[in-house]
Amino acid sequence: MASTSSLFIGLTGLNTHSRKLDIIGNNIANVNTTAFKSSRIMFETLFQSNLGFGTAPTANSGGVNPTQIGNGVGVGAIQRNFNNGTINATGDLRDLAIDGSGFFMVESNGSTFYTRAGSFRQDIADNLTTATGERLLGYGVDEDFNLVTGELVPINIPIGRQTIAEATINISIVGNLDKSGDIPTQGSTIELMASSISGPTILGGGFISSTSLLTSIDDPSNPGTAQFSAGQTIRLTSDASKGGGSLPRADLEITATTSVQDLMTFLEQALGIQDTGGPNPDGSTPGVTVDPTTGVISIVGNVGTENNLQISTGDLRLVDTDGTTSLGAAFETNQVAEADGESVRTTVSAFDSLGTSVLVDVVMVLDSTPNTGPVWRYFIESDADTDLDLSVATGTLQFDTEGQINPDDNSVQVTIDRENTGADNPLSFNLNFLADSGQTTSLATGSNIIGLTTDGLPPGTLENFATGDDGTIVGRFSNGAIRTMGQVVLAKFSNPAGLIDQGGNLFGTGPNSGPAAIASPGQLGLGAVVSGALEASNVDLGQEFTQMILTSTGYSASSRVIRTTDELLQQLLVLGR
C-alpha cells in the first residue's frame, strides 16, 4: 500500500538537489571573479524509521538485523574550497595576489574584513583600496621610512605628492697630484690705500687706531675729515677673483663701533684666507695687516696659483647709506705679488637635508717633497658658511714614495654652519681621498682632481612602487632614492571554512573560524605576495558541469518518486469507492 511518507521523502530530494543546483550555479557564475572560492554541498540522510531493532544471536538461532526505512535527504554542510586559484600577471603593480594561504586585511568604517581579491586601487587620499572602497591594512613607516610594526594602518602610497631629499654624508675625491710640480714660494700680496701709493693720511697725525674705523682713516679729498661714516657699507664685489674664479659678493656694514680690526677680519673671511699654522715659504704670514704709521693695509693670501687673489681698484666699493648710490672705490689697490706653486681646484656639490645643493671648492697645493713622499695641502671653501667666512678647513695629505696616500690622511670632515635655512644645521660630511670608487694618487704627471661620487640627493618625487614577496612596499623617487613605504600583512585562520561570506569578495570572522593570526607574508605558514598579478577563481567548470548533470538526474528522480506515489494514491482512492 502506498505511503504518504514517500511524498515527503521525494520532496526532501527536490529541496536538497535544488540547493545543490544553487551552489553549482553560483560557482559557474563566479568563474571569472577574482580569487573566488568555490563551494560544494554535502548531503546527509534524515532520521531512519525503525520497523525492527533486530536481535542478538543466541545459542539456537542467528541474530536479526534492524529493519529501517530512511526519511529522505537533507543538507549536511556547505563547504568552501580555499585551494589557490591560478595566479595571472596583470602588469599593474597595484594588483596583489597571495601564493599560498592567508588573507589580505581591509577596513571600512571601523570594521575589519578579509579577502583574497587583491585588485587594489588608490583613492583620493592615496590609500590602497578595494573596488568597493575598503582600505588595505598593513604596517606604516616613520619619518625615517622605518617600518612601524604592531599597529595596523591603511597603506598609503602618495605617488606624485611625497618628496624626499638626502643629506650628503660622503664625497669621494679622485685624481692625481703631480709631485714634480713647482713648490710654492709665496702667496699673493695686495696693498690697500686710501688715496695714492703714499697711503692715507692719518686723522690727527698719529698712529692708526684699531678701535674705530670712523676715526682712523682720513678722507684724501677732504683732509681732516673721516673717510667713512656710520651707515655706509664696504662692499667686495664679485669682480674680485681667486684662482681665476669670481669671489662671492660680501658686505661690511659700518657702525659707530666698527674697528679697523673688524675691517681686517672682514677681508680675511671674504677672501677665504686660511691660517695654515705658519708663514708662507717667503716668510710672509697669510692674513690682513695694517701699517699703523702709513695706514697701508696689506693682504697676504695663501700659496698656490689656485689661491691667487686679484683685487682691482673698484672691486672694494663704498656704498652710501641708502644702499643704492655708490660712492666709488673705498681703497686704491696695488698688486705687489702673485701667488705661485703647483695647485689644482675642483668644485663638489653637497646636499643638505632638504636637498639644497651647497657648492664646496677644494684646492690642492703642493706643500713639500721630502724623502718620505710628497705632501699636499688642501684648502676647502664654501660661501654657504655662516657670516662671510669662505674658509671651511685646511690640512695636509701625506703620500708615500710609491704615490699612495697615507690611509690615516684619507678623509677630511667638512662642517658648514649656515643661517636662515630650514635644513639640519650644521651640514657635515666627509671628503674621502681614498674610497671604494677610486682614490687620489701622486703617480703621474699633471695634476687633476674631481668629485667622483656623492651619496646625497636633491629633492625627488615618488614616481612608482613595487611590493616584494614579503609584503614590503618599496617606493622609487625621481632622484633615484628608494625607500620603504609600508608592508602588507596577512591574516591566517585555524579554520578558514568557518569564515562568513560578507559579499563583495569579503569575509568576516565566524564563531568557528578562530581569531585572525596576523604576520608578514612567508611567516606562520602564510603564502608570499605576488606583485602585478591577481588570483583567478578556483572554479573547475568541467567538474561543475558534471555535478550539474548528476544534480539534474537526482532532481528528476525525486520528482518521479513524488509522481509515482501520487499515482498510487490515486489508485487507492479509486479502489476505496
Protein backbone atom coordinates (compact mmCIF):
# COMPACT_ATOMS: atom_id res chain seq x y z
CA MET A 1 0.00 0.00 0.00
CA ALA A 2 1.27 3.40 -0.94
CA SER A 3 2.55 5.65 1.90
CA THR A 4 2.39 9.43 2.10
CA SER A 5 5.89 9.41 3.61
CA SER A 6 7.32 8.76 0.18
CA LEU A 7 5.89 12.12 -0.90
CA PHE A 8 7.86 13.89 1.79
CA ILE A 9 10.95 11.84 1.01
CA GLY A 10 10.74 12.87 -2.63
CA LEU A 11 10.23 16.47 -1.53
CA THR A 12 13.47 16.38 0.50
CA GLY A 13 15.23 15.17 -2.62
CA LEU A 14 13.80 18.07 -4.61
CA ASN A 15 14.82 20.59 -1.94
CA THR A 16 18.37 19.33 -1.48
CA HIS A 17 19.06 18.97 -5.20
CA SER A 18 17.63 22.43 -5.73
CA ARG A 19 20.09 23.73 -3.13
CA LYS A 20 22.91 21.90 -4.86
CA LEU A 21 21.91 23.46 -8.15
CA ASP A 22 22.05 26.87 -6.45
CA ILE A 23 25.63 26.15 -5.34
CA ILE A 24 26.63 24.96 -8.80
CA GLY A 25 25.03 27.96 -10.47
CA ASN A 26 26.83 30.34 -8.11
CA ASN A 27 30.14 28.64 -8.79
CA ILE A 28 29.68 28.86 -12.55
CA ALA A 29 28.50 32.48 -12.36
CA ASN A 30 31.72 33.41 -10.50
CA VAL A 31 34.11 31.53 -12.75
CA ASN A 32 35.77 34.88 -13.65
CA THR A 33 35.50 36.53 -10.24
CA THR A 34 38.93 37.42 -8.85
CA ALA A 35 40.06 34.96 -6.16
CA PHE A 36 36.56 33.43 -5.88
CA LYS A 37 36.45 30.26 -3.82
CA SER A 38 34.01 27.62 -4.99
CA SER A 39 31.64 25.76 -2.68
CA ARG A 40 30.15 22.31 -2.54
CA ILE A 41 27.11 20.93 -0.75
CA MET A 42 27.24 17.81 1.37
CA PHE A 43 24.08 15.68 1.71
CA GLU A 44 23.13 13.59 4.72
CA THR A 45 20.36 11.14 5.37
CA LEU A 46 17.49 12.09 7.62
CA PHE A 47 16.37 10.12 10.68
CA GLN A 48 15.58 6.46 9.93
CA SER A 49 12.23 4.90 10.78
CA ASN A 50 12.75 1.68 12.68
CA LEU A 51 10.45 -1.23 11.85
CA GLY A 52 12.50 -3.55 13.95
CA PHE A 53 15.52 -3.07 16.14
CA GLY A 54 17.00 -6.51 15.47
CA THR A 55 18.11 -9.15 17.89
CA ALA A 56 21.37 -10.60 19.05
CA PRO A 57 22.28 -14.17 18.10
CA THR A 58 21.57 -16.94 20.58
CA ALA A 59 22.81 -20.49 21.05
CA ASN A 60 19.91 -21.79 18.98
CA SER A 61 19.45 -19.04 16.34
CA GLY A 62 21.26 -16.32 14.45
CA GLY A 63 20.87 -12.62 15.06
CA VAL A 64 18.40 -10.40 13.24
CA ASN A 65 19.50 -7.04 11.71
CA PRO A 66 17.50 -3.89 12.39
CA THR A 67 14.80 -3.01 9.89
CA GLN A 68 14.97 0.71 8.97
CA ILE A 69 13.48 2.95 6.34
CA GLY A 70 15.08 6.34 5.58
CA ASN A 71 13.06 9.53 5.67
CA GLY A 72 14.85 11.33 2.88
CA VAL A 73 17.88 13.59 2.49
CA GLY A 74 18.98 16.91 3.99
CA VAL A 75 21.80 19.43 3.68
CA GLY A 76 24.60 18.33 5.96
CA ALA A 77 27.07 21.10 5.17
CA ILE A 78 28.15 23.60 2.58
CA GLN A 79 31.91 23.60 2.33
CA ARG A 80 34.05 26.28 0.69
CA ASN A 81 37.15 25.24 -1.23
CA PHE A 82 40.04 27.54 -0.25
CA ASN A 83 42.56 25.99 -2.62
CA ASN A 84 44.53 28.56 -4.60
CA GLY A 85 43.41 29.69 -7.98
CA THR A 86 45.80 30.30 -10.84
CA ILE A 87 47.94 33.44 -10.45
CA ASN A 88 47.88 35.55 -13.62
CA ALA A 89 50.14 38.52 -14.30
CA THR A 90 48.39 41.85 -14.95
CA GLY A 91 51.32 44.30 -15.17
CA ASP A 92 49.61 46.67 -12.73
CA LEU A 93 51.80 46.89 -9.63
CA ARG A 94 48.78 47.78 -7.53
CA ASP A 95 47.39 44.29 -8.13
CA LEU A 96 48.45 41.76 -5.49
CA ALA A 97 47.99 38.01 -5.26
CA ILE A 98 48.71 35.55 -2.45
CA ASP A 99 50.72 32.49 -3.47
CA GLY A 100 49.71 30.21 -0.63
CA SER A 101 47.46 30.59 2.38
CA GLY A 102 46.30 33.76 4.04
CA PHE A 103 44.03 36.73 3.53
CA PHE A 104 44.54 40.43 2.93
CA MET A 105 43.16 42.60 5.68
CA VAL A 106 40.92 45.54 4.73
CA GLU A 107 38.99 48.07 6.76
CA SER A 108 35.78 50.03 6.32
CA ASN A 109 34.01 52.18 8.89
CA GLY A 110 35.98 50.67 11.74
CA SER A 111 35.27 47.05 10.78
CA THR A 112 37.93 44.64 9.57
CA PHE A 113 37.33 42.21 6.74
CA TYR A 114 39.42 39.60 4.97
CA THR A 115 39.82 38.94 1.26
CA ARG A 116 41.89 37.08 -1.30
CA ALA A 117 40.99 39.52 -4.06
CA GLY A 118 43.96 41.89 -4.45
CA SER A 119 42.73 44.18 -7.22
CA PHE A 120 43.60 47.34 -5.28
CA ARG A 121 43.40 50.93 -6.46
CA GLN A 122 44.23 54.31 -4.95
CA ASP A 123 41.61 56.65 -3.61
CA ILE A 124 41.77 60.43 -3.48
CA ALA A 125 43.78 60.22 -0.23
CA ASP A 126 46.36 57.85 -1.85
CA ASN A 127 45.18 54.84 0.20
CA LEU A 128 45.17 51.42 -1.47
CA THR A 129 41.54 50.28 -1.56
CA THR A 130 39.34 47.53 -2.93
CA ALA A 131 36.89 48.25 -5.73
CA THR A 132 34.21 48.89 -3.12
CA GLY A 133 36.35 51.27 -1.05
CA GLU A 134 37.72 49.09 1.77
CA ARG A 135 41.25 50.23 2.69
CA LEU A 136 44.13 47.76 2.66
CA LEU A 137 45.76 47.42 6.09
CA GLY A 138 49.39 46.83 6.97
CA TYR A 139 52.38 48.37 8.70
CA GLY A 140 53.28 52.01 8.10
CA VAL A 141 56.63 53.79 8.33
CA ASP A 142 58.02 56.59 10.49
CA GLU A 143 59.55 59.82 9.20
CA ASP A 144 62.81 57.98 8.51
CA PHE A 145 60.99 55.31 6.47
CA ASN A 146 61.48 52.61 9.10
CA LEU A 147 58.66 50.09 9.46
CA VAL A 148 56.44 50.59 12.49
CA THR A 149 55.18 47.12 13.39
CA GLY A 150 52.50 46.24 15.87
CA GLU A 151 49.89 48.73 14.64
CA LEU A 152 47.81 48.23 11.54
CA VAL A 153 47.21 51.32 9.44
CA PRO A 154 45.88 51.95 5.92
CA ILE A 155 48.60 51.52 3.31
CA ASN A 156 49.22 54.96 1.83
CA ILE A 157 51.29 55.49 -1.35
CA PRO A 158 51.32 59.24 -2.21
CA ILE A 159 52.61 58.97 -5.79
CA GLY A 160 53.42 62.38 -7.22
CA ARG A 161 52.94 64.05 -3.85
CA GLN A 162 55.64 62.85 -1.48
CA THR A 163 59.12 64.28 -1.89
CA ILE A 164 62.38 63.25 -0.34
CA ALA A 165 65.92 64.55 -0.15
CA GLU A 166 69.04 63.14 1.44
CA ALA A 167 71.89 64.97 3.07
CA THR A 168 75.39 64.21 1.89
CA ILE A 169 77.49 62.07 4.18
CA ASN A 170 80.41 61.14 1.93
CA ILE A 171 82.01 62.66 -1.18
CA SER A 172 84.82 60.83 -2.94
CA ILE A 173 87.66 62.83 -4.46
CA VAL A 174 89.80 61.06 -7.06
CA GLY A 175 92.60 62.12 -9.38
CA ASN A 176 96.36 62.63 -9.48
CA LEU A 177 98.57 65.18 -7.73
CA ASP A 178 101.85 65.71 -9.58
CA LYS A 179 104.79 65.55 -7.17
CA SER A 180 107.13 67.02 -9.81
CA GLY A 181 105.34 70.37 -9.91
CA ASP A 182 106.63 73.70 -8.62
CA ILE A 183 106.82 74.03 -4.87
CA PRO A 184 105.25 77.39 -3.90
CA THR A 185 107.34 80.24 -2.58
CA GLN A 186 104.77 82.96 -2.00
CA GLY A 187 101.14 83.89 -1.85
CA SER A 188 99.54 86.91 -3.48
CA THR A 189 100.17 90.26 -1.79
CA ILE A 190 97.85 93.24 -2.29
CA GLU A 191 98.11 96.68 -0.68
CA LEU A 192 95.06 98.81 0.02
CA MET A 193 95.48 102.61 0.24
CA ALA A 194 93.04 105.38 0.78
CA SER A 195 94.25 107.67 -1.97
CA SER A 196 97.61 107.04 -3.57
CA ILE A 197 100.77 104.98 -3.38
CA SER A 198 101.85 107.08 -0.42
CA GLY A 199 98.99 105.78 1.62
CA PRO A 200 96.24 107.59 3.55
CA THR A 201 96.58 110.50 5.87
CA ILE A 202 96.00 109.58 9.48
CA LEU A 203 93.47 111.64 11.36
CA GLY A 204 95.20 113.78 14.00
CA GLY A 205 98.61 112.91 12.55
CA GLY A 206 99.09 110.00 14.94
CA PHE A 207 99.10 106.21 14.65
CA ILE A 208 96.18 104.45 13.01
CA SER A 209 93.67 103.31 15.58
CA SER A 210 92.30 99.80 15.82
CA THR A 211 89.32 100.86 17.87
CA SER A 212 87.27 102.80 15.37
CA LEU A 213 87.28 102.80 11.59
CA LEU A 214 85.49 106.18 11.71
CA THR A 215 88.34 107.98 13.42
CA SER A 216 91.32 106.24 11.87
CA ILE A 217 91.42 106.94 8.15
CA ASP A 218 91.36 110.42 6.65
CA ASP A 219 89.39 111.35 3.54
CA PRO A 220 92.11 112.07 0.94
CA SER A 221 89.90 114.53 -0.87
CA ASN A 222 88.96 116.38 2.31
CA PRO A 223 91.85 116.25 4.80
CA GLY A 224 90.83 116.40 8.43
CA THR A 225 87.57 114.53 7.92
CA ALA A 226 86.90 110.80 8.19
CA GLN A 227 86.90 108.60 5.10
CA PHE A 228 83.96 106.51 6.38
CA SER A 229 80.73 107.22 8.24
CA ALA A 230 78.19 105.08 10.08
CA GLY A 231 75.53 103.51 7.83
CA GLN A 232 77.84 103.13 4.85
CA THR A 233 78.90 99.73 3.51
CA ILE A 234 82.26 98.50 2.27
CA ARG A 235 81.45 96.02 -0.48
CA LEU A 236 83.68 93.39 -2.02
CA THR A 237 82.19 92.95 -5.48
CA SER A 238 82.11 89.73 -7.49
CA ASP A 239 84.63 91.32 -9.87
CA ALA A 240 87.31 90.31 -7.38
CA SER A 241 88.68 86.86 -8.16
CA LYS A 242 90.51 83.95 -6.61
CA GLY A 243 92.29 81.40 -8.71
CA GLY A 244 90.65 82.92 -11.79
CA GLY A 245 87.13 82.46 -10.44
CA SER A 246 84.84 85.18 -9.11
CA LEU A 247 84.58 85.68 -5.38
CA PRO A 248 81.10 85.97 -3.86
CA ARG A 249 79.92 89.46 -3.00
CA ALA A 250 80.44 90.41 0.62
CA ASP A 251 79.37 93.47 2.63
CA LEU A 252 80.71 95.09 5.79
CA GLU A 253 78.18 97.49 7.27
CA ILE A 254 79.92 100.32 9.09
CA THR A 255 78.57 101.23 12.52
CA ALA A 256 79.76 103.60 15.23
CA THR A 257 81.74 100.75 16.79
CA THR A 258 83.25 99.21 13.63
CA SER A 259 87.00 98.98 14.11
CA VAL A 260 89.95 98.63 11.78
CA GLN A 261 90.28 95.11 13.13
CA ASP A 262 86.71 94.42 12.01
CA LEU A 263 87.73 95.54 8.51
CA MET A 264 90.75 93.24 8.57
CA THR A 265 88.66 90.29 9.75
CA PHE A 266 86.05 91.03 7.08
CA LEU A 267 88.69 90.93 4.35
CA GLU A 268 90.23 87.68 5.64
CA GLN A 269 86.85 85.95 5.75
CA ALA A 270 85.53 87.33 2.45
CA LEU A 271 88.75 86.36 0.65
CA GLY A 272 88.92 82.93 2.29
CA ILE A 273 92.46 83.36 3.61
CA GLN A 274 93.19 80.33 5.81
CA ASP A 275 95.52 80.06 8.76
CA THR A 276 97.99 77.30 7.87
CA GLY A 277 99.70 77.37 11.22
CA GLY A 278 102.80 79.16 9.98
CA PRO A 279 104.19 81.60 7.42
CA ASN A 280 104.39 81.11 3.68
CA PRO A 281 107.76 79.91 2.33
CA ASP A 282 108.79 83.53 1.66
CA GLY A 283 108.25 84.38 5.32
CA SER A 284 105.03 86.35 4.88
CA THR A 285 102.07 85.36 7.05
CA PRO A 286 98.69 84.75 5.40
CA GLY A 287 96.16 87.30 6.59
CA VAL A 288 95.45 91.04 6.67
CA THR A 289 97.63 93.56 8.49
CA VAL A 290 97.84 97.34 8.67
CA ASP A 291 100.88 99.59 8.94
CA PRO A 292 99.99 101.90 11.85
CA THR A 293 102.19 104.73 10.59
CA THR A 294 101.26 104.73 6.91
CA GLY A 295 97.78 103.28 7.09
CA VAL A 296 98.55 100.84 4.26
CA ILE A 297 96.53 97.64 4.60
CA SER A 298 98.38 94.57 3.32
CA ILE A 299 96.57 91.40 2.21
CA VAL A 300 98.68 88.24 2.05
CA GLY A 301 96.97 85.21 0.55
CA ASN A 302 97.70 81.51 0.68
CA VAL A 303 100.18 79.89 -1.70
CA GLY A 304 99.26 78.06 -4.91
CA THR A 305 98.13 79.54 -8.20
CA GLU A 306 94.54 78.48 -7.47
CA ASN A 307 94.65 80.69 -4.35
CA ASN A 308 95.90 83.77 -6.21
CA LEU A 309 93.89 86.89 -5.33
CA GLN A 310 93.09 89.60 -7.85
CA ILE A 311 91.54 92.78 -6.45
CA SER A 312 91.45 95.89 -8.59
CA THR A 313 90.60 99.44 -7.57
CA GLY A 314 86.81 99.50 -7.62
CA ASP A 315 86.41 95.86 -6.51
CA LEU A 316 86.19 97.27 -2.97
CA ARG A 317 83.47 99.91 -3.15
CA LEU A 318 81.89 102.26 -0.70
CA VAL A 319 78.09 102.19 -0.76
CA ASP A 320 76.04 105.05 0.65
CA THR A 321 73.56 104.76 3.49
CA ASP A 322 70.60 104.43 1.10
CA GLY A 323 72.15 101.28 -0.30
CA THR A 324 71.80 102.41 -3.88
CA THR A 325 74.37 105.11 -4.52
CA SER A 326 77.95 104.05 -4.90
CA LEU A 327 80.49 106.44 -3.51
CA GLY A 328 83.24 104.92 -5.63
CA ALA A 329 86.27 102.93 -4.58
CA ALA A 330 86.82 102.52 -0.88
CA PHE A 331 90.56 101.96 -1.45
CA GLU A 332 93.09 102.06 -4.21
CA THR A 333 94.85 98.73 -4.73
CA ASN A 334 98.41 97.76 -5.54
CA GLN A 335 99.17 94.15 -6.61
CA VAL A 336 102.60 93.54 -5.08
CA ALA A 337 102.99 89.78 -5.70
CA GLU A 338 101.21 86.88 -7.38
CA ALA A 339 100.72 83.51 -5.72
CA ASP A 340 102.70 80.66 -7.25
CA GLY A 341 103.09 76.90 -6.81
CA GLU A 342 101.56 73.70 -8.21
CA SER A 343 97.87 73.62 -7.43
CA VAL A 344 94.57 72.27 -8.71
CA ARG A 345 90.92 73.06 -7.95
CA THR A 346 87.63 71.21 -8.15
CA THR A 347 84.12 72.09 -7.06
CA VAL A 348 81.86 69.48 -5.47
CA SER A 349 78.20 69.66 -4.60
CA ALA A 350 76.89 68.57 -1.22
CA PHE A 351 73.20 68.31 -0.38
CA ASP A 352 71.58 69.32 2.89
CA SER A 353 68.64 67.50 4.47
CA LEU A 354 66.20 69.45 2.23
CA GLY A 355 68.13 68.52 -0.91
CA THR A 356 69.53 72.01 -1.45
CA SER A 357 72.86 71.93 -3.25
CA VAL A 358 75.77 73.53 -1.42
CA LEU A 359 78.90 74.16 -3.52
CA VAL A 360 82.26 73.43 -1.95
CA ASP A 361 85.60 74.36 -3.52
CA VAL A 362 88.57 72.05 -2.92
CA VAL A 363 92.04 73.40 -3.73
CA MET A 364 95.09 71.16 -3.51
CA VAL A 365 98.54 72.83 -3.29
CA LEU A 366 101.91 71.06 -3.36
CA ASP A 367 103.43 71.73 0.06
CA SER A 368 106.74 69.88 0.05
CA THR A 369 108.54 66.84 -1.34
CA PRO A 370 110.50 65.18 1.47
CA ASN A 371 112.18 61.79 1.09
CA THR A 372 109.19 60.11 2.72
CA GLY A 373 106.90 61.22 -0.12
CA PRO A 374 105.16 64.38 -1.33
CA VAL A 375 102.90 66.42 0.97
CA TRP A 376 99.91 68.31 -0.39
CA ARG A 377 97.81 70.86 1.47
CA TYR A 378 94.07 71.12 0.94
CA PHE A 379 92.07 74.34 1.21
CA ILE A 380 88.31 73.90 1.45
CA GLU A 381 85.92 76.83 0.98
CA SER A 382 82.19 77.42 0.75
CA ASP A 383 80.27 80.68 0.52
CA ALA A 384 77.32 78.93 2.23
CA ASP A 385 79.11 79.11 5.58
CA THR A 386 77.83 81.39 8.31
CA ASP A 387 78.66 85.07 8.05
CA LEU A 388 81.24 85.88 5.43
CA ASP A 389 83.90 83.27 6.12
CA LEU A 390 84.73 81.31 2.98
CA SER A 391 87.22 79.14 4.86
CA VAL A 392 85.96 75.75 5.95
CA ALA A 393 89.02 73.56 6.52
CA THR A 394 92.70 73.15 5.71
CA GLY A 395 95.21 70.40 6.32
CA THR A 396 97.75 68.15 4.63
CA LEU A 397 97.77 64.81 2.82
CA GLN A 398 100.85 62.61 3.02
CA PHE A 399 101.78 60.33 0.14
CA ASP A 400 104.42 57.61 0.26
CA THR A 401 107.28 57.19 -2.19
CA GLU A 402 105.03 54.99 -4.36
CA GLY A 403 102.48 57.74 -4.76
CA GLN A 404 99.89 56.13 -2.47
CA ILE A 405 98.05 58.23 0.06
CA ASN A 406 98.58 57.60 3.75
CA PRO A 407 95.42 55.78 4.95
CA ASP A 408 95.41 57.93 8.08
CA ASP A 409 95.07 61.06 5.92
CA ASN A 410 92.43 59.78 3.54
CA SER A 411 89.38 61.57 4.94
CA VAL A 412 88.52 65.15 5.88
CA GLN A 413 85.40 66.06 7.82
CA VAL A 414 83.80 69.22 6.47
CA THR A 415 81.36 71.17 8.62
CA ILE A 416 79.42 74.11 7.22
CA ASP A 417 77.36 76.28 9.56
CA ARG A 418 74.55 78.07 7.82
CA GLU A 419 71.94 80.64 8.70
CA ASN A 420 68.36 81.11 7.52
CA THR A 421 67.84 77.52 6.41
CA GLY A 422 65.18 75.00 7.36
CA ALA A 423 67.61 72.15 6.81
CA ASP A 424 69.51 70.36 9.52
CA ASN A 425 72.41 72.52 10.65
CA PRO A 426 75.34 72.28 10.51
CA LEU A 427 75.84 70.39 7.26
CA SER A 428 78.58 67.87 7.97
CA PHE A 429 80.10 65.33 5.59
CA ASN A 430 83.36 63.57 4.77
CA LEU A 431 85.66 64.24 1.83
CA ASN A 432 87.31 60.92 1.08
CA PHE A 433 90.51 60.79 -0.95
CA LEU A 434 90.60 57.01 -0.66
CA ALA A 435 87.33 55.19 -1.30
CA ASP A 436 85.88 52.08 -2.93
CA SER A 437 85.09 54.12 -6.02
CA GLY A 438 88.69 55.30 -6.51
CA GLN A 439 91.46 57.24 -4.89
CA THR A 440 93.75 60.23 -5.18
CA THR A 441 97.34 59.32 -6.03
CA SER A 442 100.63 61.05 -6.74
CA LEU A 443 101.89 58.82 -9.53
CA ALA A 444 101.56 60.53 -12.89
CA THR A 445 102.49 63.83 -14.50
CA GLY A 446 99.89 66.57 -14.32
CA SER A 447 97.51 67.38 -11.50
CA ASN A 448 93.75 66.87 -11.69
CA ILE A 449 91.04 66.02 -9.19
CA ILE A 450 87.28 65.59 -9.44
CA GLY A 451 84.45 64.90 -7.07
CA LEU A 452 83.55 61.39 -8.25
CA THR A 453 80.63 60.35 -6.11
CA THR A 454 78.30 61.79 -3.52
CA ASP A 455 75.65 59.98 -1.53
CA GLY A 456 73.40 62.97 -1.06
CA LEU A 457 70.30 63.52 -3.17
CA PRO A 458 68.37 66.55 -4.40
CA PRO A 459 64.58 66.68 -3.87
CA GLY A 460 62.74 63.90 -5.67
CA THR A 461 59.07 62.96 -6.04
CA LEU A 462 57.62 59.49 -5.52
CA GLU A 463 57.12 58.03 -9.01
CA ASN A 464 56.16 54.38 -8.52
CA PHE A 465 56.32 51.46 -6.15
CA ALA A 466 56.60 47.69 -6.04
CA THR A 467 55.71 45.06 -3.45
CA GLY A 468 58.10 42.29 -2.50
CA ASP A 469 57.12 38.70 -1.75
CA ASP A 470 57.34 39.52 1.97
CA GLY A 471 54.78 42.30 1.51
CA THR A 472 57.31 45.13 1.84
CA ILE A 473 56.33 48.08 -0.35
CA VAL A 474 59.30 49.93 -1.80
CA GLY A 475 58.89 53.35 -3.44
CA ARG A 476 61.15 54.80 -6.11
CA PHE A 477 61.64 58.56 -6.26
CA SER A 478 62.59 60.71 -9.25
CA ASN A 479 66.01 61.41 -7.72
CA GLY A 480 66.83 57.71 -7.59
CA ALA A 481 66.09 57.26 -3.89
CA ILE A 482 64.44 54.00 -2.86
CA ARG A 483 62.53 53.94 0.39
CA THR A 484 60.26 51.54 2.29
CA MET A 485 56.68 52.84 2.15
CA GLY A 486 54.99 50.15 4.26
CA GLN A 487 54.30 46.44 4.46
CA VAL A 488 51.26 44.38 3.57
CA VAL A 489 50.45 41.83 6.27
CA LEU A 490 48.29 38.72 6.02
CA ALA A 491 45.81 37.02 8.31
CA LYS A 492 45.62 33.29 8.96
CA PHE A 493 42.77 31.30 10.49
CA SER A 494 42.85 27.87 12.06
CA ASN A 495 39.59 27.10 10.24
CA PRO A 496 39.10 29.37 7.22
CA ALA A 497 35.96 27.39 6.32
CA GLY A 498 34.41 28.97 9.39
CA LEU A 499 34.60 32.47 7.89
CA ILE A 500 31.35 34.17 7.00
CA ASP A 501 30.94 35.43 3.44
CA GLN A 502 30.06 39.14 3.52
CA GLY A 503 29.72 39.53 -0.25
CA GLY A 504 31.99 41.63 -2.42
CA ASN A 505 34.83 39.08 -2.08
CA LEU A 506 34.96 39.85 1.64
CA PHE A 507 34.86 37.53 4.63
CA GLY A 508 34.26 38.18 8.28
CA THR A 509 35.23 36.11 11.29
CA GLY A 510 32.75 33.50 12.42
CA PRO A 511 32.16 31.52 15.61
CA ASN A 512 34.08 28.55 14.20
CA SER A 513 36.84 30.38 12.26
CA GLY A 514 39.04 31.17 15.21
CA PRO A 515 40.74 34.55 15.65
CA ALA A 516 42.98 36.04 12.99
CA ALA A 517 46.72 35.40 13.39
CA ILE A 518 48.49 38.37 11.79
CA ALA A 519 52.02 38.10 10.39
CA SER A 520 54.21 39.11 7.49
CA PRO A 521 53.90 37.07 4.28
CA GLY A 522 56.08 33.97 4.48
CA GLN A 523 55.72 33.67 8.26
CA LEU A 524 53.46 31.30 10.21
CA GLY A 525 52.93 29.23 7.08
CA LEU A 526 51.46 32.18 5.19
CA GLY A 527 51.98 32.50 1.47
CA ALA A 528 54.05 35.04 -0.44
CA VAL A 529 52.69 38.20 -2.03
CA VAL A 530 52.99 38.44 -5.81
CA SER A 531 53.03 41.99 -7.19
CA GLY A 532 51.42 42.84 -10.51
CA ALA A 533 49.23 39.74 -10.52
CA LEU A 534 45.77 38.53 -9.49
CA GLU A 535 44.49 35.19 -8.31
CA ALA A 536 41.86 33.65 -10.57
CA SER A 537 38.74 31.82 -9.44
CA ASN A 538 39.33 28.20 -8.43
CA VAL A 539 36.08 27.02 -10.08
CA ASP A 540 36.56 23.84 -12.16
CA LEU A 541 34.00 24.15 -14.95
CA GLY A 542 34.32 20.51 -16.00
CA GLN A 543 33.56 19.33 -12.51
CA GLU A 544 30.70 21.80 -12.16
CA PHE A 545 29.04 20.64 -15.38
CA THR A 546 29.36 17.01 -14.26
CA GLN A 547 27.77 17.82 -10.94
CA MET A 548 25.05 19.75 -12.70
CA ILE A 549 24.15 16.65 -14.74
CA LEU A 550 24.12 14.48 -11.63
CA THR A 551 22.05 17.05 -9.78
CA SER A 552 19.56 17.26 -12.62
CA THR A 553 19.25 13.48 -12.63
CA GLY A 554 18.72 13.39 -8.87
CA TYR A 555 16.13 16.13 -9.09
CA SER A 556 14.28 14.31 -11.87
CA ALA A 557 14.38 11.06 -9.94
CA SER A 558 12.96 12.73 -6.83
CA SER A 559 10.21 14.21 -8.97
CA ARG A 560 9.48 10.76 -10.31
CA VAL A 561 9.15 9.42 -6.77
CA ILE A 562 6.55 12.08 -5.98
CA ARG A 563 4.70 11.47 -9.22
CA THR A 564 4.67 7.69 -8.75
CA THR A 565 3.48 7.99 -5.16
CA ASP A 566 0.73 10.30 -6.32
CA GLU A 567 -0.39 7.77 -8.92
CA LEU A 568 -0.52 5.01 -6.34
CA LEU A 569 -2.54 7.15 -4.00
CA GLN A 570 -4.97 7.91 -6.80
CA GLN A 571 -5.42 4.16 -7.42
CA LEU A 572 -6.14 3.60 -3.74
CA LEU A 573 -8.80 6.27 -3.83
CA VAL A 574 -10.45 4.59 -6.82
CA LEU A 575 -10.42 1.19 -5.09
CA GLY A 576 -11.92 2.70 -1.99
CA ARG A 577 -15.07 3.98 -3.71
